[in-house]
Amino acid sequence: MRRAPSFVLFAFFSFVTIFGSANCRAQSAQEPADHSMKMDHSAGMEMNAAGMALMQQASGTSRNPESAPQEMIFRKAAGWNLMFHGVLFLADTQQTGPRGADKLFSANWFMGMAEHRVGKGSFVFRTMLSLEPATVTERRYPELFQTGETAFGAPITDGQHPHDLFMEIALEYARPLGEKTMLNFYAAPVGDPALGPVAFPHRASASEIPQAPLGHHLQDSSHIADEVFTLGVKRGIWGFEASGFHGGEPDENRWNFDFGPLDSVSGRVWFRPNDAWEFQASTGFLRHPEELEPGNLVRTTFSGSWFKRRETDFTAITAGYGVNQKDAGNHSGFFTEATWHTGMNSVYGRFEAQQPEISLLLTDAIIDTAETRALHGTVLALTVGGVRDFLRTRGFELGVGGDVTFYGVPDVLQTGRGFCGTTSCVLGVGYGSRPVSFHVFFRLRPPAPMGRMWNMRMSQPMLGHDMGTMDHKSNQ
């Protein structure tokens, strides 16, 4: 039976919090600005081109373009520029249909960075952590038609796994080579190789959406790979990157490291014709990425993003395509998502068309036969939602939001059916014709005393960047 109490408790908590925040809003409007949080303007202006190139980063080498705002705290101490940012969602999900579930969970991540100039170049040390191993219980949160990785010795279906505690530990160095060229080197025990678009936690177009896209494991799931080494070069509007890394996905123990041999490679090309548009194409060979599924895969992705802002308001759009080519067959997916933010309000949407592994979804088991390879179908998912920032105090922004996802289910997934492997047969359960998912959530962002820094990039250096691309307006 499906459980209802979590939704009732969450709705009650939401009502009490919103009602009680009225006095807080009145008080915070009269509070003086927290001058202890102000950034020293000279700290930012002292950075050279290489330093600013690294300061624009959010996680690993997946470049975070204009389309990825990051809320940050800045400090300067003993020649170091120190930064922190993050986000926390507290969400309740409800799903209909034979395979629906409900759950209260928190998706979250926190990052600290330290930048130091050495000669013409700059070093950045970066750590990204997530408490999702504790805040996403049972090693997953419900998400219909989602697959990827394992929990309790079985493949995850209809659920999204939590991130590891250590999402990134990295050292990066950037140095100008002439007027238009920048060299960049990135090394990380855990980090982001040159494969895929900007990972969904860092995209502005997905900044208000608490759940992962269905195509995560077709496009950007390698953003927490192990033992990553990347060399990048940027010249003008073009950027080129090549990575070597361990191709295995993290195991179900989300508190540790998953080191392994340097057995996988990837390459990526970036094209940024102007401040609004950015495109990437990438491909990578991943050796034995899935713990329970034998074989290698080749992943190829394409994406484009558009971003426009006016002071603190912005519109961000991203579209992308990814395909996994492996022994058991090819699977591909397309997504497009957008967020429009104005004043205290945000509206967002996401559309996906995904070719999933049919037998895995129906049976929760890996069955590789001629019959299962011949099964094909496309799942459609449309998400629409919004967020209202109802409390802003001392730079923190607390918002409440919600969304609904409608699914288009192919005939092959609507009803259950059985499949036989080499040793046994498994009876699958279908999804019905019209399942729906609902989310209601709180979203907490940290202070950004100098305004939102929109030009956060990962390891794609950018010459000539200055503080002018920062939004200096205070959101207090």
Protein backbone atom coordinates (compact mmCIF):
# COMPACT_ATOMS: atom_id res chain seq x y z
CA MET A 1 0.00 0.00 0.00
CA ARG A 2 1.12 3.56 -0.68
CA ARG A 3 1.74 5.80 2.28
CA ALA A 4 0.06 9.18 2.80
CA PRO A 5 1.36 10.57 6.13
CA SER A 6 4.47 12.23 4.68
CA PHE A 7 2.38 14.45 2.43
CA VAL A 8 0.05 15.44 5.27
CA LEU A 9 2.95 16.28 7.58
CA PHE A 10 4.73 18.24 4.87
CA ALA A 11 1.58 20.23 3.98
CA PHE A 12 1.03 21.06 7.66
CA PHE A 13 4.69 22.08 8.10
CA SER A 14 4.46 24.26 4.97
CA PHE A 15 1.35 26.05 6.27
CA VAL A 16 2.84 26.71 9.69
CA THR A 17 6.14 27.95 8.23
CA ILE A 18 4.56 30.28 5.67
CA PHE A 19 2.07 31.66 8.20
CA GLY A 20 4.77 32.16 10.80
CA SER A 21 7.16 33.86 8.38
CA ALA A 22 4.99 36.97 8.06
CA ASN A 23 6.53 38.54 11.17
CA CYS A 24 10.00 37.41 10.08
CA ARG A 25 9.60 39.19 6.75
CA ALA A 26 8.55 42.38 8.48
CA GLN A 27 11.54 42.19 10.81
CA SER A 28 14.07 41.31 8.13
CA ALA A 29 12.95 44.25 6.02
CA GLN A 30 14.09 46.55 8.82
CA GLU A 31 17.33 44.75 9.65
CA PRO A 32 20.56 46.46 8.64
CA ALA A 33 22.68 44.73 6.06
CA ASP A 34 25.10 42.14 7.45
CA HIS A 35 28.35 43.94 6.72
CA SER A 36 30.35 40.97 7.93
CA MET A 37 29.21 39.17 4.77
CA LYS A 38 30.39 41.86 2.36
CA MET A 39 33.03 40.97 -0.16
CA ASP A 40 36.15 43.09 -0.43
CA HIS A 41 35.92 44.53 -3.96
CA SER A 42 39.68 44.66 -4.17
CA ALA A 43 39.85 40.92 -3.57
CA GLY A 44 38.01 40.26 -6.80
CA MET A 45 39.76 43.00 -8.77
CA GLU A 46 43.22 41.72 -7.83
CA MET A 47 42.69 38.42 -9.62
CA ASN A 48 44.43 37.89 -12.91
CA ALA A 49 42.78 36.25 -15.93
CA ALA A 50 43.73 32.75 -14.83
CA GLY A 51 42.38 33.36 -11.35
CA MET A 52 39.05 34.58 -12.66
CA ALA A 53 38.91 31.63 -15.05
CA LEU A 54 39.11 29.25 -12.13
CA MET A 55 36.81 31.36 -9.96
CA GLN A 56 34.09 30.83 -12.56
CA GLN A 57 33.88 27.14 -11.78
CA ALA A 58 31.33 25.08 -9.94
CA SER A 59 32.33 21.44 -10.08
CA GLY A 60 34.99 19.61 -11.98
CA THR A 61 35.62 20.19 -15.63
CA SER A 62 32.07 20.39 -16.88
CA ARG A 63 32.07 24.01 -17.83
CA ASN A 64 29.43 26.00 -16.06
CA PRO A 65 28.38 28.63 -18.59
CA GLU A 66 26.34 31.82 -18.43
CA SER A 67 23.41 29.47 -17.94
CA ALA A 68 24.51 28.43 -14.46
CA PRO A 69 24.07 30.96 -11.66
CA GLN A 70 25.79 30.12 -8.39
CA GLU A 71 24.98 31.69 -5.04
CA MET A 72 28.28 32.33 -3.29
CA ILE A 73 29.92 33.73 -0.17
CA PHE A 74 33.31 35.41 -0.73
CA ARG A 75 36.20 36.06 1.63
CA LYS A 76 39.82 37.10 1.27
CA ALA A 77 42.47 35.90 3.76
CA ALA A 78 46.29 35.93 3.56
CA GLY A 79 46.39 36.10 -0.21
CA TRP A 80 43.67 33.49 -0.68
CA ASN A 81 40.24 34.11 -2.17
CA LEU A 82 37.79 31.86 -0.29
CA MET A 83 34.32 30.96 -1.56
CA PHE A 84 31.37 28.89 -0.46
CA HIS A 85 28.03 28.11 -2.03
CA GLY A 86 25.33 25.45 -2.10
CA VAL A 87 21.63 24.67 -2.08
CA LEU A 88 19.24 22.51 -0.07
CA PHE A 89 15.85 21.15 -1.11
CA LEU A 90 13.42 19.56 1.34
CA ALA A 91 10.90 17.84 -0.89
CA ASP A 92 7.92 15.54 -0.68
CA THR A 93 6.99 13.52 -3.76
CA GLN A 94 3.70 11.74 -4.50
CA GLN A 95 3.18 9.46 -7.51
CA THR A 96 0.13 7.73 -8.95
CA GLY A 97 -0.14 4.46 -10.86
CA PRO A 98 0.74 0.83 -10.07
CA ARG A 99 4.42 1.67 -9.56
CA GLY A 100 3.97 5.00 -7.81
CA ALA A 101 5.49 5.80 -4.41
CA ASP A 102 5.82 8.73 -2.00
CA LYS A 103 8.66 10.03 0.11
CA LEU A 104 10.01 12.99 2.07
CA PHE A 105 13.68 13.61 1.25
CA SER A 106 16.35 16.27 0.92
CA ALA A 107 18.56 16.86 -2.11
CA ASN A 108 21.53 19.08 -1.28
CA TRP A 109 25.15 19.97 -1.97
CA PHE A 110 27.72 22.35 -0.53
CA MET A 111 30.98 23.58 -2.05
CA GLY A 112 34.06 25.36 -0.76
CA MET A 113 36.78 26.84 -2.97
CA ALA A 114 40.12 28.52 -2.30
CA GLU A 115 41.98 30.39 -5.09
CA HIS A 116 45.59 31.59 -4.93
CA ARG A 117 47.63 33.36 -7.59
CA VAL A 118 51.13 32.08 -8.38
CA GLY A 119 52.99 34.12 -10.99
CA LYS A 120 50.88 34.42 -14.14
CA GLY A 121 48.73 31.46 -13.19
CA SER A 122 46.30 30.56 -10.43
CA PHE A 123 45.53 27.48 -8.38
CA VAL A 124 42.09 26.51 -7.12
CA PHE A 125 41.42 23.90 -4.44
CA ARG A 126 37.81 22.79 -4.39
CA THR A 127 35.67 20.41 -2.31
CA MET A 128 32.04 19.59 -2.96
CA LEU A 129 30.07 17.61 -0.39
CA SER A 130 26.52 16.28 -0.12
CA LEU A 131 24.59 15.00 2.89
CA GLU A 132 22.25 13.04 0.63
CA PRO A 133 23.56 9.68 1.93
CA ALA A 134 21.78 10.65 5.17
CA THR A 135 18.90 12.75 3.83
CA VAL A 136 17.85 10.36 1.03
CA THR A 137 16.96 7.19 2.91
CA GLU A 138 16.82 3.68 1.41
CA ARG A 139 19.46 4.85 -1.11
CA ARG A 140 16.96 6.41 -3.50
CA TYR A 141 14.08 8.83 -3.86
CA PRO A 142 11.08 7.98 -6.07
CA GLU A 143 11.24 9.00 -9.72
CA LEU A 144 9.14 7.04 -12.21
CA PHE A 145 11.04 5.56 -15.20
CA GLN A 146 14.46 6.50 -13.76
CA THR A 147 17.24 3.88 -13.77
CA GLY A 148 20.96 3.83 -13.00
CA GLU A 149 23.36 2.44 -10.38
CA THR A 150 22.50 0.02 -7.56
CA ALA A 151 21.01 -0.25 -4.07
CA PHE A 152 21.01 -3.28 -1.77
CA GLY A 153 22.65 -5.41 -4.44
CA ALA A 154 20.01 -4.76 -7.11
CA PRO A 155 19.67 -2.22 -9.93
CA ILE A 156 17.74 0.95 -9.09
CA THR A 157 14.49 1.40 -11.00
CA ASP A 158 11.87 4.13 -10.58
CA GLY A 159 14.27 5.96 -8.31
CA GLN A 160 17.20 8.38 -8.29
CA HIS A 161 20.24 7.48 -6.21
CA PRO A 162 21.71 10.01 -3.75
CA HIS A 163 25.03 11.65 -4.48
CA ASP A 164 28.09 10.47 -2.60
CA LEU A 165 29.29 12.40 0.44
CA PHE A 166 32.37 13.39 -1.60
CA MET A 167 31.15 14.79 -4.91
CA GLU A 168 34.44 16.49 -5.68
CA ILE A 169 37.94 16.96 -4.27
CA ALA A 170 40.05 18.74 -6.86
CA LEU A 171 43.07 20.85 -7.66
CA GLU A 172 43.09 23.02 -10.75
CA TYR A 173 45.67 25.27 -12.38
CA ALA A 174 45.12 27.82 -15.18
CA ARG A 175 47.73 29.90 -16.98
CA PRO A 176 47.47 32.31 -19.93
CA LEU A 177 49.48 31.44 -23.06
CA GLY A 178 49.44 34.68 -24.98
CA GLU A 179 46.55 37.09 -25.40
CA LYS A 180 43.82 34.69 -26.56
CA THR A 181 44.86 31.29 -25.23
CA MET A 182 44.48 29.73 -21.80
CA LEU A 183 45.90 26.39 -20.60
CA ASN A 184 44.12 24.51 -17.84
CA PHE A 185 44.98 21.36 -15.87
CA TYR A 186 42.59 19.58 -13.50
CA ALA A 187 43.26 16.64 -11.16
CA ALA A 188 40.69 15.12 -8.81
CA PRO A 189 40.41 11.95 -6.71
CA VAL A 190 36.67 12.59 -7.23
CA GLY A 191 35.54 15.02 -9.88
CA ASP A 192 34.04 15.78 -13.27
CA PRO A 193 35.65 14.60 -16.55
CA ALA A 194 35.18 16.27 -19.92
CA LEU A 195 31.95 14.48 -20.79
CA GLY A 196 28.42 15.80 -21.12
CA PRO A 197 26.72 19.14 -20.56
CA VAL A 198 26.94 21.06 -17.31
CA ALA A 199 25.62 18.64 -14.67
CA PHE A 200 22.01 19.26 -13.66
CA PRO A 201 22.78 20.49 -10.08
CA HIS A 202 24.65 23.45 -11.61
CA ARG A 203 22.46 24.43 -14.57
CA ALA A 204 20.49 27.67 -14.24
CA SER A 205 17.75 26.13 -16.35
CA ALA A 206 17.41 23.40 -13.68
CA SER A 207 18.23 25.55 -10.65
CA GLU A 208 14.72 25.36 -9.17
CA ILE A 209 13.96 21.70 -9.97
CA PRO A 210 14.61 19.33 -7.04
CA GLN A 211 14.56 16.06 -9.03
CA ALA A 212 17.14 14.76 -11.51
CA PRO A 213 16.29 14.49 -15.22
CA LEU A 214 15.37 11.03 -16.52
CA GLY A 215 18.29 11.21 -18.94
CA HIS A 216 20.86 11.78 -16.21
CA HIS A 217 22.68 8.51 -17.00
CA LEU A 218 22.67 9.31 -20.71
CA GLN A 219 24.12 12.79 -20.39
CA ASP A 220 25.85 13.98 -17.19
CA SER A 221 26.08 11.14 -14.64
CA SER A 222 29.90 11.07 -14.84
CA HIS A 223 30.11 14.38 -12.94
CA ILE A 224 31.22 12.47 -9.81
CA ALA A 225 33.76 10.13 -11.43
CA ASP A 226 36.89 8.90 -9.65
CA GLU A 227 40.53 9.70 -10.40
CA VAL A 228 39.99 12.36 -13.04
CA PHE A 229 42.79 14.08 -14.98
CA THR A 230 41.91 16.72 -17.57
CA LEU A 231 43.90 18.97 -19.86
CA GLY A 232 42.04 21.89 -21.40
CA VAL A 233 42.87 24.68 -23.84
CA LYS A 234 40.71 27.68 -24.65
CA ARG A 235 41.38 29.92 -27.61
CA GLY A 236 38.92 32.66 -28.44
CA ILE A 237 35.38 31.31 -28.68
CA TRP A 238 36.55 27.67 -28.77
CA GLY A 239 37.50 25.34 -25.96
CA PHE A 240 38.97 21.82 -26.08
CA GLU A 241 39.30 19.29 -23.24
CA ALA A 242 40.52 15.70 -22.87
CA SER A 243 40.17 13.52 -19.76
CA GLY A 244 41.29 10.20 -18.37
CA PHE A 245 39.35 8.74 -15.43
CA HIS A 246 37.96 5.63 -13.75
CA GLY A 247 34.78 4.69 -15.58
CA GLY A 248 32.93 2.76 -12.87
CA GLU A 249 29.85 4.39 -11.36
CA PRO A 250 29.90 4.86 -7.56
CA ASP A 251 28.78 1.81 -5.62
CA GLU A 252 25.85 1.79 -3.20
CA ASN A 253 28.03 2.81 -0.24
CA ARG A 254 27.65 6.57 -0.56
CA TRP A 255 30.01 7.51 2.29
CA ASN A 256 33.32 6.31 0.83
CA PHE A 257 35.57 6.60 -2.22
CA ASP A 258 35.38 4.21 -5.18
CA PHE A 259 38.91 4.28 -6.53
CA GLY A 260 39.89 2.15 -9.49
CA PRO A 261 42.18 2.05 -12.51
CA LEU A 262 42.44 4.91 -14.96
CA ASP A 263 40.54 2.98 -17.64
CA SER A 264 38.26 5.46 -19.43
CA VAL A 265 38.74 8.50 -21.67
CA SER A 266 36.65 11.39 -22.96
CA GLY A 267 36.89 14.55 -25.01
CA ARG A 268 34.77 17.67 -25.33
CA VAL A 269 34.56 20.76 -27.56
CA TRP A 270 32.95 24.02 -26.46
CA PHE A 271 31.72 26.81 -28.74
CA ARG A 272 30.64 30.13 -27.26
CA PRO A 273 29.83 32.64 -30.02
CA ASN A 274 28.62 35.35 -27.63
CA ASP A 275 27.61 35.97 -24.02
CA ALA A 276 24.15 34.42 -24.43
CA TRP A 277 24.81 31.17 -26.32
CA GLU A 278 26.99 28.17 -25.52
CA PHE A 279 27.26 24.73 -27.14
CA GLN A 280 29.16 21.53 -26.37
CA ALA A 281 29.76 18.19 -28.03
CA SER A 282 31.48 15.35 -26.19
CA THR A 283 32.13 11.64 -26.33
CA GLY A 284 33.68 9.16 -23.96
CA PHE A 285 34.56 5.49 -23.56
CA LEU A 286 33.56 4.14 -20.13
CA ARG A 287 34.89 0.75 -19.06
CA HIS A 288 32.41 -1.34 -17.08
CA PRO A 289 30.44 1.61 -15.67
CA GLU A 290 27.59 -0.39 -14.10
CA GLU A 291 28.40 -2.61 -11.14
CA LEU A 292 25.81 -5.31 -11.97
CA GLU A 293 25.81 -5.10 -15.76
CA PRO A 294 28.84 -6.41 -17.68
CA GLY A 295 30.29 -4.58 -20.66
CA ASN A 296 31.52 -1.16 -21.64
CA LEU A 297 29.73 1.77 -23.19
CA VAL A 298 30.38 4.76 -25.43
CA ARG A 299 28.48 7.90 -24.44
CA THR A 300 28.01 10.80 -26.84
CA THR A 301 26.28 14.07 -25.93
CA PHE A 302 25.32 17.37 -27.53
CA SER A 303 23.84 20.39 -25.78
CA GLY A 304 23.16 24.06 -26.19
CA SER A 305 22.18 26.75 -23.70
CA TRP A 306 20.87 30.30 -23.82
CA PHE A 307 20.92 32.72 -20.92
CA LYS A 308 19.66 36.27 -20.55
CA ARG A 309 19.56 38.37 -17.41
CA ARG A 310 18.65 41.83 -16.23
CA GLU A 311 19.97 42.63 -12.79
CA THR A 312 18.72 39.76 -10.58
CA ASP A 313 16.10 38.52 -13.06
CA PHE A 314 17.01 35.90 -15.65
CA THR A 315 15.76 33.45 -18.23
CA ALA A 316 17.76 30.25 -18.87
CA ILE A 317 17.13 27.51 -21.43
CA THR A 318 19.09 24.31 -22.06
CA ALA A 319 18.50 21.52 -24.57
CA GLY A 320 20.55 18.35 -24.83
CA TYR A 321 20.78 14.88 -26.31
CA GLY A 322 22.71 11.84 -25.12
CA VAL A 323 23.13 8.26 -26.29
CA ASN A 324 24.69 5.24 -24.58
CA GLN A 325 26.02 2.62 -26.99
CA LYS A 326 26.64 -0.73 -25.31
CA ASP A 327 26.57 -4.45 -25.99
CA ALA A 328 22.94 -4.86 -24.86
CA GLY A 329 21.75 -2.14 -27.25
CA ASN A 330 21.66 1.62 -27.64
CA HIS A 331 19.53 3.95 -25.53
CA SER A 332 19.12 7.67 -26.11
CA GLY A 333 17.29 10.61 -24.64
CA PHE A 334 16.50 14.25 -25.33
CA PHE A 335 15.64 17.01 -22.87
CA THR A 336 14.85 20.69 -22.89
CA GLU A 337 14.34 22.73 -19.73
CA ALA A 338 13.88 26.38 -18.83
CA THR A 339 13.66 28.60 -15.77
CA TRP A 340 12.29 32.14 -15.72
CA HIS A 341 13.05 34.12 -12.57
CA THR A 342 11.72 37.59 -11.82
CA GLY A 343 11.62 39.32 -8.47
CA MET A 344 10.63 36.78 -5.81
CA ASN A 345 9.13 34.30 -8.27
CA SER A 346 10.43 31.53 -10.51
CA VAL A 347 8.62 29.42 -13.11
CA TYR A 348 10.22 26.36 -14.66
CA GLY A 349 9.57 23.47 -16.99
CA ARG A 350 11.27 20.39 -18.39
CA PHE A 351 10.36 18.09 -21.29
CA GLU A 352 12.06 14.74 -21.91
CA ALA A 353 11.82 11.98 -24.49
CA GLN A 354 13.65 8.90 -23.27
CA GLN A 355 14.30 5.44 -24.72
CA PRO A 356 14.66 3.34 -21.55
CA GLU A 357 15.66 -0.26 -20.93
CA ILE A 358 12.18 -1.81 -21.09
CA SER A 359 12.80 -5.15 -19.38
CA LEU A 360 14.75 -3.48 -16.55
CA LEU A 361 11.88 -1.09 -15.81
CA LEU A 362 9.26 -3.85 -15.83
CA THR A 363 11.12 -6.49 -13.83
CA ASP A 364 13.69 -4.56 -11.74
CA ALA A 365 16.25 -7.08 -13.05
CA ILE A 366 18.94 -7.14 -15.75
CA ILE A 367 17.82 -9.64 -18.41
CA ASP A 368 19.84 -9.59 -21.62
CA THR A 369 18.25 -11.76 -24.31
CA ALA A 370 17.33 -11.35 -27.96
CA GLU A 371 13.75 -10.69 -26.85
CA THR A 372 14.63 -7.90 -24.43
CA ARG A 373 17.02 -6.25 -26.90
CA ALA A 374 14.20 -6.10 -29.46
CA LEU A 375 11.89 -4.17 -27.11
CA HIS A 376 11.63 -0.45 -27.84
CA GLY A 377 9.54 2.42 -26.60
CA THR A 378 9.78 6.12 -25.81
CA VAL A 379 8.76 7.59 -22.45
CA LEU A 380 7.64 11.23 -22.50
CA ALA A 381 7.75 13.40 -19.38
CA LEU A 382 6.56 16.99 -18.99
CA THR A 383 7.27 18.86 -15.74
CA VAL A 384 5.88 22.31 -14.91
CA GLY A 385 6.30 24.13 -11.61
CA GLY A 386 7.24 27.27 -9.74
CA VAL A 387 8.92 28.67 -6.62
CA ARG A 388 8.12 31.68 -4.45
CA ASP A 389 10.85 33.21 -2.24
CA PHE A 390 8.86 34.12 0.86
CA LEU A 391 11.71 34.87 3.26
CA ARG A 392 14.97 36.73 2.70
CA THR A 393 17.10 37.51 5.73
CA ARG A 394 20.84 38.12 6.12
CA GLY A 395 21.34 36.98 2.56
CA PHE A 396 19.60 33.62 2.94
CA GLU A 397 16.70 32.92 0.58
CA LEU A 398 13.97 30.48 1.60
CA GLY A 399 11.45 29.55 -1.04
CA VAL A 400 8.49 27.20 -1.29
CA GLY A 401 7.57 25.53 -4.56
CA GLY A 402 5.90 22.66 -6.28
CA ASP A 403 5.59 20.93 -9.63
CA VAL A 404 3.69 18.22 -11.45
CA THR A 405 5.00 15.75 -14.04
CA PHE A 406 2.79 14.13 -16.67
CA TYR A 407 4.02 11.01 -18.48
CA GLY A 408 3.38 9.53 -21.89
CA VAL A 409 3.80 5.76 -21.50
CA PRO A 410 4.49 3.48 -24.50
CA ASP A 411 2.22 0.44 -24.86
CA VAL A 412 5.04 -1.96 -23.96
CA LEU A 413 5.31 -0.40 -20.48
CA GLN A 414 1.62 0.06 -19.69
CA THR A 415 0.90 -3.55 -18.71
CA GLY A 416 3.04 -6.17 -17.02
CA ARG A 417 4.67 -9.07 -18.82
CA GLY A 418 7.19 -11.79 -18.08
CA PHE A 419 10.74 -12.32 -19.29
CA CYS A 420 12.92 -15.40 -19.09
CA GLY A 421 16.68 -15.29 -18.67
CA THR A 422 19.15 -18.14 -18.80
CA THR A 423 18.16 -19.57 -15.40
CA SER A 424 14.75 -18.15 -14.42
CA CYS A 425 11.72 -16.14 -15.46
CA VAL A 426 10.53 -12.85 -13.96
CA LEU A 427 7.03 -11.35 -14.09
CA GLY A 428 7.00 -7.60 -14.60
CA VAL A 429 4.59 -4.92 -13.35
CA GLY A 430 3.34 -2.21 -15.72
CA TYR A 431 2.92 1.53 -15.17
CA GLY A 432 -0.61 2.06 -16.39
CA SER A 433 -1.46 4.62 -19.05
CA ARG A 434 -1.43 7.94 -17.17
CA PRO A 435 0.85 8.07 -14.10
CA VAL A 436 1.50 11.50 -12.58
CA SER A 437 4.13 12.75 -10.12
CA PHE A 438 3.81 15.69 -7.71
CA HIS A 439 6.46 17.54 -5.71
CA VAL A 440 6.14 20.19 -3.00
CA PHE A 441 9.33 21.53 -1.47
CA PHE A 442 11.30 24.13 0.41
CA ARG A 443 14.46 25.50 -1.19
CA LEU A 444 17.20 27.24 0.84
CA ARG A 445 20.05 29.16 -0.75
CA PRO A 446 23.03 30.68 1.11
CA PRO A 447 23.87 34.39 1.16
CA ALA A 448 25.28 36.13 -1.91
CA PRO A 449 26.39 39.47 -0.44
CA MET A 450 27.82 40.74 -3.71
CA GLY A 451 24.86 39.51 -5.73
CA ARG A 452 24.60 36.37 -7.80
CA MET A 453 27.73 35.44 -9.72
CA TRP A 454 26.32 34.27 -13.04
CA ASN A 455 29.54 33.45 -14.87
CA MET A 456 30.56 30.38 -12.90
CA ARG A 457 32.53 28.05 -15.14
CA MET A 458 34.23 24.79 -14.48
CA SER A 459 37.52 24.07 -16.23
CA GLN A 460 36.98 26.12 -19.36
CA PRO A 461 39.13 29.20 -18.77
CA MET A 462 38.06 32.54 -20.15
CA LEU A 463 40.47 35.36 -20.88
CA GLY A 464 39.49 38.91 -20.19
CA HIS A 465 36.82 38.06 -17.63
CA ASP A 466 36.23 40.79 -15.08
CA MET A 467 33.89 41.57 -12.25
CA GLY A 468 31.53 43.27 -14.65
CA THR A 469 29.80 39.97 -15.33
CA MET A 470 28.89 39.70 -11.67
CA ASP A 471 25.56 40.99 -10.52
CA HIS A 472 26.65 43.44 -7.84
CA LYS A 473 23.16 44.25 -6.65
CA SER A 474 22.51 43.09 -3.14
CA ASN A 475 19.48 40.91 -2.69
CA GLN A 476 19.04 41.91 0.91
